[in-house]
Amino acid sequence: MITCVFRSGIRLLMVMILLFCFGRAVQGQEEEKTYSISLTKTAETKAGERIHEVDNRKVLAQEYTVRNGDHVWQLLRERGLLQQQNLAELLSVFKKMNKSLHNLDLIHPGEKLIIPLKIAPLAGGPTKERAVRIEDLGDINFREYTVKKDDYLIRIVKGMYRIPQDALYKDYLNLFKKLNPSVKDLNTIYPGQRIRLPIYSPEVVRAPIQTSHPSRLQERNHTGRRKKNPVAGDLAGIFTEMGEEWVQSGEHFIPLKSGGQIKLSAASFPIIDTRKGMRVIVDLNNELPARMAHLIESGWRNYRVVHLTKKDDLRSSLKKTIHACSYPEVFGSGKPLVVGRDIQLRISGDWIIRLSGGVSRMPPTRYIVINLRDASGLDIPTTIRKYMVRAGIKVIDYPPVRTKDVPSPADGGTAMKPCRDPRALTKTVLDLAGISFSEDMDTPVYQTRKNDIKLIIKSDFSLKLKGRNAVIDLTGLAPDVMSLLEERQFLTLCLASEKDPVKMAARLCEFLGVQFRRGPQSFKVASAGHSKNIMLRLPGIIFFDSTGTPVLVTPLNLPDNIDAFLSHEGYRVLYASFS
């Protein structure tokens, strides 16, 4: 009996649980509008949204009036559509719903657009998901890249594009997945693998929606073999090293504001996309008609065209192209660039380019120095190159050469123990000069024959110079005492009032008879004639120690790279500062 009641209770409890779960499920369906329900309940669409039927599909779409500054990809991104798995399908529907729109990059204020938000089969069933083909993504411009050793995807992308973090993870990687369906794991790519990288740029120009009626200005396909311009690879190498983007694969589509577009083969007309936003078309074989170039430049303020002829070698080609990039300032051959205040570099090269902003990065690059090694080049020590990078200066030698290796400070630097007070500086200079001395010694100055009167002073440093007694005073003896010392044929040097360590070192050398050279001091870092050289200028004096080694006395605590360079050049460094 008890067992029967127990079983009946269990059945009743299970029925109640099922009824409760069913009620919650119905309630959940009412609260959460599913993909198909939101499309069929027309009355619940938001203002400006309507249901359309396109190719046996129901499409929830929004009517939108274009505003000034809008572009299609921004509108799609704002609505989260670029992250949808069915992006290709959305693009296809977008084109069909906006048949008057012939180019995704040419929309005008006041123009009406219909933007698809959600798509579902007409019958309300699940849509069949198909693999995304490259043809479906024809509106996404991309470049091919071969993975190198130690590459990983995020570093490749950030090395090519200055892309914001949110855009990278929200939009860019989703586009990458669609372009590279074979890459299952974004964290796993291998050397030699070919991948497609979407070209990221706020002003990127994508392929036109309709290509069945090309403009009369569209470039014709040439079937004949064209001789490759030998400077193309050199230009690509230099501008890539500068941190600019050199695009020479695929095709460029340049819309004309008056209507139509110009299509250029990237192999013959590579584009340089500069950090400043300029886009320079390099006409490698002087094939682009002047009229086309004028249409491009007059329609887009950030476009320039450079025509290269058979007579243009690398030097003349580079000169034309650098000029077209409209950098804030370009120093020509022979005009020096002077940077730094205390540690000063004076640089001359074939071209010195001042950039409008950093490459992004820490530290930012402010200047780029380009030297062609067609006749002569600069052999810059690696230590100075590293210091220049930290100072915001990048040197490009082309063709690249192996720079001079200079021992690092860890291998034997030049810096001695710093001198932070007058006594330490005086003692160090005397030691380096190889002069014997005594410190804080009682020095008899005057005494009578009967020894009943004696004058003894405590001198900071007592020594012999040229057979005579000498005193170096740091504390400040009374003027009468100093006069008495001189009367007794003492050589005296009072440094009590000297606050500048470099001037003190100079006065010490002069008093001791040590050869020295007043500053500032100039050091030749590299030289290839008058038009190509680098000079380093430092404050301080140079004197020669007892072995003939030059010693730089400077108030600057020099960076390790500068210290290593001076060591390699045979100098010792004495840092002196009383502050």
Foldseek 3Di string as FASTA:
>chain_A
DVVVVVVVVVVVVVVVVVVVVVVVVVVVCVVDPDQLNVQPPQVPDDPQWGWDDDPQKIFTKGKDFDAPPDFQVVVCVVLLLLLDPVNLVQVVVQCVQCVVAFFRGDDDGGDIGIHTNGMAGNVRDHDDDDQQDVVSVQQFDKDKDFDAPPDADVCVVVLQDVDDPCCCVSHQVSVQCNQCVVCPDSGDDDGGDMGIGGDDDPNAGTDTPDDPDADPQEDDDDPDDDDQQPCVVVVCVVLVVVSWHKDQQDWGWAAFNVGGTYIGHSVQWIWTQGPVGAIETERRDQPRDPVVQCRRCVRDVRYHYHYDHPPDDNLNSVVRVVVRNPAVDKDAFLDWDWDDDFKIKTWFARIKTAHPWASDDVVGAGIEGEHEPPPHDWQFEPLVQVVCVNVRYHYHYPPDDDHDYFDFVVVPFQEDDAAQDPLSLLVVLCVQQVFDKDAQDWAWLDADPVRPDTDTDGAGIWGAAPNAIEGEHQCDDDPVVVVSNVVSVYHYHYCNPPQDSQVSSVVSCVSRVWDKAADFDKDWRIDDDSRGTMIITHHHMWTAGNVRFIEGEHCDPDDRSVRRSVVRVRYHYHHYHND
